[in-house]
Each structure stands twice: as C-alpha cells, then as structure tokens.
Amino acid sequence: MRLTWHLARRFRNRRERSGFVSFISASSTLGIALGCMVFIAGLSVMNGFEKVLQERFLSLIPHVEFTAVNQQLADPQQIMAASLKHPSVVSAKPVIRTQGMVQQGAQFTGVQIQGIDTTQVQAIQEYMSPETWQALVTEPNAVVLGDKLAEKLKVTTGDTVMLLVAQNANFREPKRIRLNVQGTFAFGGQVDHQFAYVSLQTAREMVGIQNGATAVELVLTNVMQAQQVANEIGYDIKDYVYLDHWMRSQGHLYRDIQLVRMVMYLVLILVLAVACFNIISTLIMTVQEKQRHIGILRTMGLRGKQVMQVFVWQGLQNGLIGTVLGTIAGVLLTLILPDLMSWIQWLSGESLLASDVYFINQIPVYLQSLDVVLVALVALTMSIFATLYPAWRAAQLEIVQAISH
C-alpha cells in the first residue's frame, strides 16, 4: 500500500509528466473544490431559509387550527383539553379571526383582524414594544396595526380608526366599531400590510358572540407532523370543525425550499461529473505517457492489481485535495456570507430581500456538519469511480508492448 501510494505521488509530480496533463489535473482538482464550496454554501442558505420558516414565520401561522363550522365553537375548552393530551402539542389557544374594512372618508382598506387571548404568551409580542403589548392588554377597544398598514392608513399611536365588520355572510349590515390605535408591530412581509391584533374580548364584541372563540390554534413540537396531529386530535373533538394545518395554507414555501435543494443536488452531481471527467482524462493520458514505466515496474515484480492501485491512488489524490480545499472554502464562505451579502447590498444600494415583500431582510445561513460530510463523501466517491476505468486499462497493458513503447 505504501509503495503504490508513493508511486502515485511520483506520477502526479509535475516533473514526471507534461504540462498539458498537469493543467488538466489541476482543472479537475479546482472543479471538485469549486463544486464542494458552492454546494456547501448553497445548502447552508437553504437550511437557513427552512429554519427561519419554522422558527419565525410559523410562529404567527398556526401549526394546526380547528375552525368552527358555524359562527363559533360550542366548547373551545373541550377542544383545548383534548389537544393538550396529545404528546406533540405544546400549547392550545383560542382565537377569533374576522375580516373588516377601515373607513377613512370615502376610502376603505381591508384588514385581517386577529382576536387573541392576552392572558397567554403570544408570538406577536416579540415584534412590538412592551408598552404596546401592555396597552393591548389593559386598554378597551385597543388595536395594534402592522407598521406598513398604519403607514398606509396614515395613523399613529393615539389615533382612532373606524372599522366595519360583517355581522353575517352577505356583509349587508356591517357593524361599526371605533378602535384606538395603541401601537404597531413589525414582523415583515405581507403580515405588516394586512394584519391587526385586538384582545379576545374586543373581537367578541366585533363578531357578536358572548364568549368562546371561533377557532383554536395549536403549537406543535414538530411542525412536519401537523397533518397527522390534526387528524388524530380531530377524532376526539365533539364539535363540528374544519381541520386545517400550515402545510395546506403555507406548505408551498416549504415545498419550494425542498425543490431548490433537489436542484442544487443535481447541479452538484453535474459539476462534480465534469471535474471527474477531467480526472479520467488525466489518468488516461498518464497511462499513455507512463507505459514504459509501467512495463519496467511489472518486470520488477509489480502485479497488475498493484498497478491498478497506483492509478486509483493518483486520481483519489486529486479528489482528496479538491475535496479538502472545497470543504474548507465552503465553510468559510458560509460563515462570511451574511456580511458579504450586506456588503453587496450596500454597494448596489438595493435590498436583496425586500422586507415589505419577504418576512426577512437578509440572506439566512445555517451550517450543518452533516451537509459538509455528505458533500465530501459524494465528491470522494465520484473521484474513486472516475479512476476505475483508466486504472483497469493500465493493469491490462502487456509488459513487452509497454517496454517497447
């Protein structure tokens, strides 16, 4: 093993081969390094988007929701109690959702009203000031608007807005209610343009119910089990409800991330395949150049199997060097990518991710060691497979023909 490794290093020495072969060999090493670097960085970005989706975006979107078929739930407490018995459920909260229109003179602006239980911890608290949340809890008829919605309505803290809420499905007799703006929240994306939060009691007055709620939201330990949990708990609910989960309403975002991830896997295979073709070309040309050396080594007792090992080691050295360099470069690129994107954004003067469209304003990255190991293993495996045919051809050379050549 040491002998064949040493011979492989000798054959890779620039002094032992032509400049053209050295150029192709260096190209294969560089191709593998670039493929590994780009793929590690790309996977980290996809992991970042997936993590932000699960930890931030889904903090406002219910993982599972049971919505009343009629105007309100008959017994929301029974639904919450049945839900909390499930081991995958972290919390269950009552909520009232309705749509309304803010009237300003002759203009009307649509608003999504969220009536939340202010006695429980809510995810939206993180995106508003403590004073705003406290006012929502204590002040009657208080409302907190998305900052973009407040900007569109041209209202600030202390102003009042006239809200029209439908009392029945045909919206012929809207109920007018005056709300006091107690502040704004800034989450990002379309949520800031459309959503407004009120207390559960204020929402009950809007929709005309005495108590209870129109829906129950569940937070799960594993968001990927949303459909399964919704079905399992739904069998224990006595009320007539619609079963809903985030995969149905927002699952396209997750599917888009997975689709891009699969495309990146395909691109990695193609990039590494091109680099491995360069390894094949390098080894074939090396075999042609070293026929006399191979013949002499065979006469000295080197067996065909050992000749094959020499060229496998030679190709693997190219793949190993490219993989190590690409892995290190990919990890470093991932670590500096947020700062690099910020610098490009500052240099161009334009935002790469508009916060008023997306729920984030910078490229997220999340480096996972498993991805780094996977990329390295794929690169090394393809490098080994690329060496088999040229190494086999070298082992099949006739000794006399090789020496005479």
Protein backbone atom coordinates (compact mmCIF):
# COMPACT_ATOMS: atom_id res chain seq x y z
CA MET A 1 0.00 0.00 0.00
CA ARG A 2 2.79 2.43 0.85
CA LEU A 3 4.60 1.51 -2.38
CA THR A 4 1.59 2.14 -4.61
CA TRP A 5 0.83 5.43 -2.79
CA HIS A 6 4.44 6.57 -3.30
CA LEU A 7 4.33 5.68 -6.99
CA ALA A 8 1.05 7.59 -7.37
CA ARG A 9 2.68 10.68 -5.86
CA ARG A 10 5.63 10.31 -8.25
CA PHE A 11 3.29 10.10 -11.23
CA ARG A 12 1.50 13.25 -10.04
CA ASN A 13 4.77 15.16 -9.83
CA ARG A 14 4.87 17.89 -12.45
CA ARG A 15 8.42 17.00 -13.39
CA GLU A 16 7.25 13.49 -14.28
CA ARG A 17 4.54 14.50 -16.76
CA SER A 18 3.79 17.02 -19.50
CA GLY A 19 2.45 20.48 -18.84
CA PHE A 20 -0.85 19.74 -20.60
CA VAL A 21 -1.55 16.75 -18.35
CA SER A 22 -0.67 18.87 -15.31
CA PHE A 23 -3.13 21.52 -16.47
CA ILE A 24 -5.98 19.00 -16.84
CA SER A 25 -5.12 17.51 -13.44
CA ALA A 26 -5.20 20.94 -11.81
CA SER A 27 -8.52 21.67 -13.55
CA SER A 28 -10.07 18.53 -12.10
CA THR A 29 -8.88 19.44 -8.60
CA LEU A 30 -10.18 23.01 -8.99
CA GLY A 31 -13.53 21.77 -10.32
CA ILE A 32 -14.08 19.48 -7.37
CA ALA A 33 -13.09 22.27 -4.96
CA LEU A 34 -15.49 24.76 -6.55
CA GLY A 35 -18.31 22.22 -6.59
CA CYS A 36 -17.88 21.42 -2.90
CA MET A 37 -17.57 25.08 -1.93
CA VAL A 38 -20.66 26.24 -3.82
CA PHE A 39 -22.76 23.29 -2.70
CA ILE A 40 -21.92 23.67 1.00
CA ALA A 41 -22.76 27.38 0.85
CA GLY A 42 -25.97 26.73 -1.10
CA LEU A 43 -27.16 24.04 1.29
CA SER A 44 -26.45 26.32 4.23
CA VAL A 45 -28.63 29.02 2.67
CA MET A 46 -31.45 26.52 2.10
CA ASN A 47 -31.10 25.34 5.70
CA GLY A 48 -31.26 28.98 6.80
CA PHE A 49 -34.50 29.61 4.92
CA GLU A 50 -36.01 26.41 6.30
CA LYS A 51 -35.01 27.33 9.86
CA VAL A 52 -36.43 30.84 9.52
CA LEU A 53 -39.62 29.37 8.09
CA GLN A 54 -40.07 27.04 11.04
CA GLU A 55 -38.89 29.30 13.86
CA ARG A 56 -40.15 32.71 12.73
CA PHE A 57 -42.80 32.56 10.05
CA LEU A 58 -44.64 29.65 11.64
CA SER A 59 -44.62 31.42 14.99
CA LEU A 60 -47.54 33.52 13.69
CA ILE A 61 -49.06 30.89 11.42
CA PRO A 62 -50.88 28.19 13.45
CA HIS A 63 -49.38 24.75 13.05
CA VAL A 64 -52.84 23.20 13.43
CA GLU A 65 -56.16 25.01 13.60
CA PHE A 66 -59.71 23.89 14.37
CA THR A 67 -62.22 26.41 13.00
CA ALA A 68 -65.93 26.43 13.80
CA VAL A 69 -68.24 25.34 11.01
CA ASN A 70 -70.95 27.55 12.48
CA GLN A 71 -70.40 31.05 13.84
CA GLN A 72 -68.50 29.92 16.93
CA LEU A 73 -67.17 26.84 18.69
CA ALA A 74 -69.63 25.24 21.07
CA ASP A 75 -66.97 24.22 23.60
CA PRO A 76 -63.47 25.55 22.86
CA GLN A 77 -62.26 24.42 26.30
CA GLN A 78 -63.02 20.80 25.41
CA ILE A 79 -61.03 21.17 22.17
CA MET A 80 -58.06 22.68 24.01
CA ALA A 81 -58.18 19.98 26.69
CA ALA A 82 -58.29 17.21 24.08
CA SER A 83 -55.45 18.84 22.17
CA LEU A 84 -53.17 19.22 25.18
CA LYS A 85 -53.44 15.49 25.86
CA HIS A 86 -51.58 14.81 22.64
CA PRO A 87 -47.81 14.45 23.24
CA SER A 88 -46.91 16.56 20.18
CA VAL A 89 -48.92 19.62 21.28
CA VAL A 90 -47.07 22.39 23.11
CA SER A 91 -49.94 24.84 23.57
CA ALA A 92 -53.55 25.43 22.55
CA LYS A 93 -55.03 28.93 22.35
CA PRO A 94 -58.47 30.30 21.49
CA VAL A 95 -58.63 32.87 18.71
CA ILE A 96 -61.18 34.87 16.76
CA ARG A 97 -60.45 35.70 13.15
CA THR A 98 -62.52 38.03 11.06
CA GLN A 99 -62.19 40.43 8.19
CA GLY A 100 -63.04 44.07 8.31
CA MET A 101 -62.62 47.33 6.48
CA VAL A 102 -61.17 50.54 7.83
CA GLN A 103 -63.19 53.52 6.68
CA GLN A 104 -61.43 56.81 6.05
CA GLY A 105 -63.85 59.19 4.41
CA ALA A 106 -64.85 57.61 1.12
CA GLN A 107 -61.93 55.15 1.13
CA PHE A 108 -61.96 51.62 2.53
CA THR A 109 -58.96 49.41 3.36
CA GLY A 110 -59.27 45.68 4.02
CA VAL A 111 -57.86 44.36 7.30
CA GLN A 112 -57.39 40.88 8.76
CA ILE A 113 -58.44 41.08 12.42
CA GLN A 114 -56.86 38.65 14.90
CA GLY A 115 -58.53 38.42 18.30
CA ILE A 116 -56.02 36.84 20.70
CA ASP A 117 -56.10 35.81 24.35
CA THR A 118 -53.93 38.47 26.01
CA THR A 119 -53.69 36.44 29.23
CA GLN A 120 -51.40 33.98 27.43
CA VAL A 121 -47.99 34.49 25.90
CA GLN A 122 -48.34 35.25 22.20
CA ALA A 123 -45.67 35.10 19.49
CA ILE A 124 -46.61 38.56 18.20
CA GLN A 125 -45.29 40.08 21.46
CA GLU A 126 -41.73 39.74 20.15
CA TYR A 127 -42.46 42.13 17.29
CA MET A 128 -43.96 45.00 19.25
CA SER A 129 -42.78 47.08 22.17
CA PRO A 130 -43.69 46.09 25.76
CA GLU A 131 -45.70 49.30 26.14
CA THR A 132 -47.77 48.45 23.05
CA TRP A 133 -48.49 44.96 24.34
CA GLN A 134 -49.43 46.28 27.77
CA ALA A 135 -51.83 48.76 26.21
CA LEU A 136 -53.42 45.98 24.17
CA VAL A 137 -53.94 44.01 27.39
CA THR A 138 -55.38 46.82 29.53
CA GLU A 139 -56.99 49.39 27.23
CA PRO A 140 -60.56 48.84 25.96
CA ASN A 141 -61.12 48.71 22.18
CA ALA A 142 -57.36 48.73 21.62
CA VAL A 143 -55.87 47.67 18.31
CA VAL A 144 -52.28 47.13 17.18
CA LEU A 145 -51.66 47.53 13.44
CA GLY A 146 -48.89 46.31 11.21
CA ASP A 147 -46.43 49.16 10.66
CA LYS A 148 -46.98 49.15 6.87
CA LEU A 149 -50.74 49.11 7.36
CA ALA A 150 -50.51 52.03 9.79
CA GLU A 151 -48.34 53.88 7.30
CA LYS A 152 -50.88 53.26 4.56
CA LEU A 153 -53.73 54.46 6.78
CA LYS A 154 -51.59 57.41 7.96
CA VAL A 155 -52.34 56.78 11.62
CA THR A 156 -50.09 56.76 14.67
CA THR A 157 -50.37 55.77 18.32
CA GLY A 158 -53.31 57.58 19.93
CA ASP A 159 -55.39 57.89 16.76
CA THR A 160 -58.71 56.17 16.25
CA VAL A 161 -59.96 54.18 13.28
CA MET A 162 -63.48 53.25 12.22
CA LEU A 163 -63.75 49.54 11.48
CA LEU A 164 -66.62 47.93 9.61
CA VAL A 165 -67.16 44.25 10.41
CA ALA A 166 -69.70 41.97 8.75
CA GLN A 167 -72.47 40.63 11.00
CA ASN A 168 -73.46 37.95 8.51
CA ALA A 169 -72.07 36.29 5.43
CA ASN A 170 -73.53 38.69 2.86
CA PHE A 171 -71.96 41.79 4.51
CA ARG A 172 -75.14 43.81 4.03
CA GLU A 173 -75.33 45.08 7.59
CA PRO A 174 -71.78 45.85 8.75
CA LYS A 175 -71.20 46.71 12.35
CA ARG A 176 -69.24 49.88 13.02
CA ILE A 177 -66.76 49.89 15.86
CA ARG A 178 -64.26 52.58 16.78
CA LEU A 179 -60.83 51.30 17.82
CA ASN A 180 -57.96 53.10 19.49
CA VAL A 181 -54.55 52.59 17.86
CA GLN A 182 -52.13 51.66 20.65
CA GLY A 183 -49.07 50.99 18.52
CA THR A 184 -47.67 48.95 15.67
CA PHE A 185 -45.72 45.75 15.15
CA ALA A 186 -43.06 44.93 12.55
CA PHE A 187 -42.87 41.28 11.50
CA GLY A 188 -42.09 41.58 7.80
CA GLY A 189 -43.77 40.60 4.58
CA GLN A 190 -47.47 40.87 3.88
CA VAL A 191 -48.33 40.43 7.56
CA ASP A 192 -47.36 44.06 8.21
CA HIS A 193 -49.61 45.21 5.35
CA GLN A 194 -52.77 43.32 6.28
CA PHE A 195 -52.93 42.23 9.93
CA ALA A 196 -54.27 43.92 13.04
CA TYR A 197 -54.46 42.49 16.57
CA VAL A 198 -57.11 43.08 19.21
CA SER A 199 -57.94 41.40 22.50
CA LEU A 200 -60.26 38.40 22.55
CA GLN A 201 -62.97 40.39 24.32
CA THR A 202 -62.86 43.18 21.73
CA ALA A 203 -63.06 40.60 18.94
CA ARG A 204 -66.13 39.03 20.57
CA GLU A 205 -67.87 42.40 20.51
CA MET A 206 -66.97 42.71 16.82
CA VAL A 207 -68.42 39.40 15.70
CA GLY A 208 -71.33 39.46 18.16
CA ILE A 209 -70.67 36.47 20.42
CA GLN A 210 -70.89 36.44 24.20
CA ASN A 211 -67.96 34.15 24.98
CA GLY A 212 -65.83 31.45 23.46
CA ALA A 213 -63.96 31.69 20.18
CA THR A 214 -64.25 30.88 16.51
CA ALA A 215 -61.07 28.77 16.32
CA VAL A 216 -58.40 27.03 18.40
CA GLU A 217 -54.73 27.22 17.39
CA LEU A 218 -52.17 24.56 18.26
CA VAL A 219 -48.38 24.83 18.51
CA LEU A 220 -46.53 21.55 17.90
CA THR A 221 -43.11 20.24 18.82
CA ASN A 222 -42.58 19.02 15.25
CA VAL A 223 -44.26 21.11 12.57
CA MET A 224 -43.79 18.35 10.00
CA GLN A 225 -46.36 16.24 11.86
CA ALA A 226 -49.09 18.86 11.51
CA GLN A 227 -51.39 16.86 9.25
CA GLN A 228 -51.07 13.70 11.31
CA VAL A 229 -51.71 15.53 14.61
CA ALA A 230 -54.72 17.39 13.16
CA ASN A 231 -56.33 14.12 12.12
CA GLU A 232 -55.58 12.32 15.39
CA ILE A 233 -56.99 15.11 17.58
CA GLY A 234 -59.91 15.72 15.24
CA TYR A 235 -61.36 12.30 16.05
CA ASP A 236 -61.67 13.31 19.73
CA ILE A 237 -63.44 16.62 19.09
CA LYS A 238 -67.21 16.59 19.59
CA ASP A 239 -67.84 19.93 17.89
CA TYR A 240 -68.20 20.42 14.13
CA VAL A 241 -64.95 21.97 13.00
CA TYR A 242 -62.78 22.42 9.95
CA LEU A 243 -59.39 20.71 10.32
CA ASP A 244 -56.59 22.85 8.97
CA HIS A 245 -52.79 22.95 9.23
CA TRP A 246 -49.95 25.09 7.95
CA MET A 247 -48.91 22.63 5.23
CA ARG A 248 -52.19 23.29 3.49
CA SER A 249 -52.04 27.08 3.61
CA GLN A 250 -48.30 27.81 3.59
CA GLY A 251 -46.81 24.47 2.55
CA HIS A 252 -45.81 25.86 -0.85
CA LEU A 253 -42.98 27.78 0.84
CA TYR A 254 -41.56 24.59 2.31
CA ARG A 255 -42.00 22.72 -0.96
CA ASP A 256 -40.22 25.50 -2.85
CA ILE A 257 -37.24 25.23 -0.49
CA GLN A 258 -37.10 21.45 -0.97
CA LEU A 259 -37.36 21.86 -4.74
CA VAL A 260 -34.42 24.26 -4.80
CA ARG A 261 -32.49 21.84 -2.60
CA MET A 262 -33.09 19.00 -5.08
CA VAL A 263 -31.99 21.22 -7.97
CA MET A 264 -28.81 22.01 -6.07
CA TYR A 265 -28.12 18.30 -5.59
CA LEU A 266 -28.48 17.84 -9.33
CA VAL A 267 -26.17 20.77 -10.05
CA LEU A 268 -23.58 19.37 -7.63
CA ILE A 269 -23.61 16.00 -9.38
CA LEU A 270 -23.16 17.68 -12.78
CA VAL A 271 -20.33 19.94 -11.60
CA LEU A 272 -18.52 17.06 -9.94
CA ALA A 273 -19.13 14.87 -13.00
CA VAL A 274 -17.34 17.41 -15.20
CA ALA A 275 -14.44 17.50 -12.73
CA CYS A 276 -14.33 13.70 -12.65
CA PHE A 277 -14.19 13.55 -16.44
CA ASN A 278 -11.04 15.63 -16.13
CA ILE A 279 -9.68 13.01 -13.71
CA ILE A 280 -10.43 10.31 -16.28
CA SER A 281 -8.69 12.31 -19.00
CA THR A 282 -5.69 12.94 -16.75
CA LEU A 283 -5.28 9.28 -15.88
CA ILE A 284 -5.72 8.05 -19.46
CA MET A 285 -3.07 10.47 -20.69
CA THR A 286 -0.81 9.49 -17.78
CA VAL A 287 -1.18 5.83 -18.66
CA GLN A 288 -0.19 6.62 -22.25
CA GLU A 289 2.83 8.61 -21.06
CA LYS A 290 3.94 6.05 -18.46
CA GLN A 291 3.63 2.85 -20.47
CA ARG A 292 7.39 2.26 -20.38
CA HIS A 293 7.48 2.91 -16.63
CA ILE A 294 4.59 0.51 -16.10
CA GLY A 295 6.34 -2.18 -18.13
CA ILE A 296 9.56 -1.82 -16.13
CA LEU A 297 7.64 -1.94 -12.84
CA ARG A 298 5.86 -5.09 -13.98
CA THR A 299 9.20 -6.78 -14.79
CA MET A 300 10.39 -5.85 -11.30
CA GLY A 301 7.50 -7.79 -9.78
CA LEU A 302 4.66 -5.24 -9.54
CA ARG A 303 1.43 -7.10 -10.13
CA GLY A 304 -1.48 -5.88 -12.25
CA LYS A 305 -3.60 -5.32 -9.14
CA GLN A 306 -0.91 -3.05 -7.71
CA VAL A 307 -0.66 -1.13 -10.98
CA MET A 308 -4.39 -0.53 -10.74
CA GLN A 309 -3.95 0.69 -7.16
CA VAL A 310 -1.31 3.20 -8.30
CA PHE A 311 -3.69 4.96 -10.67
CA VAL A 312 -6.61 4.75 -8.26
CA TRP A 313 -4.45 6.48 -5.66
CA GLN A 314 -3.36 9.09 -8.19
CA GLY A 315 -6.94 10.01 -9.12
CA LEU A 316 -8.00 9.88 -5.48
CA GLN A 317 -5.27 12.35 -4.57
CA ASN A 318 -6.79 14.86 -6.98
CA GLY A 319 -10.23 14.27 -5.50
CA LEU A 320 -8.94 14.37 -1.93
CA ILE A 321 -7.09 17.66 -2.41
CA GLY A 322 -10.07 19.22 -4.19
CA THR A 323 -12.50 17.97 -1.54
CA VAL A 324 -10.42 19.27 1.38
CA LEU A 325 -9.88 22.67 -0.24
CA GLY A 326 -13.51 22.93 -1.33
CA THR A 327 -14.84 21.93 2.08
CA ILE A 328 -12.70 24.47 3.91
CA ALA A 329 -13.59 27.18 1.39
CA GLY A 330 -17.29 26.28 1.59
CA VAL A 331 -17.35 26.53 5.38
CA LEU A 332 -15.52 29.87 5.28
CA LEU A 333 -17.83 31.20 2.58
CA THR A 334 -20.86 30.19 4.61
CA LEU A 335 -19.55 31.97 7.70
CA ILE A 336 -18.87 35.24 5.85
CA LEU A 337 -21.88 35.03 3.51
CA PRO A 338 -24.21 37.30 5.59
CA ASP A 339 -21.55 40.00 5.78
CA LEU A 340 -20.73 39.52 2.10
CA MET A 341 -24.39 39.91 1.12
CA SER A 342 -24.68 43.01 3.30
CA TRP A 343 -21.62 44.48 1.59
CA ILE A 344 -23.07 43.72 -1.87
CA GLN A 345 -26.37 45.26 -0.77
CA TRP A 346 -24.59 48.39 0.45
CA LEU A 347 -22.52 48.57 -2.72
CA SER A 348 -25.51 48.22 -5.05
CA GLY A 349 -27.79 50.41 -2.96
CA GLU A 350 -30.66 47.93 -3.36
CA SER A 351 -32.06 45.41 -0.91
CA LEU A 352 -31.57 41.78 -1.96
CA LEU A 353 -34.63 40.76 0.06
CA ALA A 354 -37.27 43.47 0.41
CA SER A 355 -38.65 43.33 3.94
CA ASP A 356 -42.05 44.57 2.75
CA VAL A 357 -42.36 41.52 0.49
CA TYR A 358 -40.48 38.82 2.42
CA PHE A 359 -40.53 38.21 6.18
CA ILE A 360 -36.73 38.60 6.33
CA ASN A 361 -34.40 41.29 5.00
CA GLN A 362 -31.12 39.36 4.73
CA ILE A 363 -29.88 36.01 3.45
CA PRO A 364 -30.10 33.46 6.30
CA VAL A 365 -27.46 30.74 6.65
CA TYR A 366 -27.38 27.67 8.86
CA LEU A 367 -24.34 25.40 8.55
CA GLN A 368 -24.91 21.74 9.39
CA SER A 369 -21.98 19.37 9.82
CA LEU A 370 -23.98 16.54 8.21
CA ASP A 371 -24.20 18.51 4.95
CA VAL A 372 -20.44 19.11 4.97
CA VAL A 373 -19.77 15.39 5.47
CA LEU A 374 -22.30 14.45 2.79
CA VAL A 375 -20.76 16.76 0.19
CA ALA A 376 -17.25 15.49 0.97
CA LEU A 377 -18.35 11.85 0.71
CA VAL A 378 -20.12 12.43 -2.62
CA ALA A 379 -17.04 14.17 -4.06
CA LEU A 380 -14.66 11.42 -2.90
CA THR A 381 -16.95 8.64 -4.10
CA MET A 382 -17.26 10.13 -7.58
CA SER A 383 -13.49 10.65 -7.68
CA ILE A 384 -12.90 6.97 -6.90
CA PHE A 385 -15.34 5.81 -9.58
CA ALA A 386 -13.63 8.10 -12.11
CA THR A 387 -10.32 6.27 -11.56
CA LEU A 388 -11.54 2.72 -12.13
CA TYR A 389 -11.54 2.53 -15.92
CA PRO A 390 -8.12 4.20 -16.51
CA ALA A 391 -6.61 2.11 -13.69
CA TRP A 392 -8.05 -1.06 -15.20
CA ARG A 393 -6.60 -0.14 -18.62
CA ALA A 394 -3.19 0.37 -17.02
CA ALA A 395 -3.34 -3.05 -15.35
CA GLN A 396 -4.18 -4.70 -18.69
CA LEU A 397 -1.06 -3.44 -20.53
CA GLU A 398 1.18 -6.15 -21.96
CA ILE A 399 4.64 -5.99 -20.42
CA VAL A 400 6.61 -6.44 -23.66
CA GLN A 401 4.45 -3.97 -25.55
CA ALA A 402 4.73 -1.42 -22.74
CA ILE A 403 8.55 -1.65 -22.64
CA SER A 404 8.92 -1.46 -26.42
CA HIS A 405 6.64 1.57 -26.42
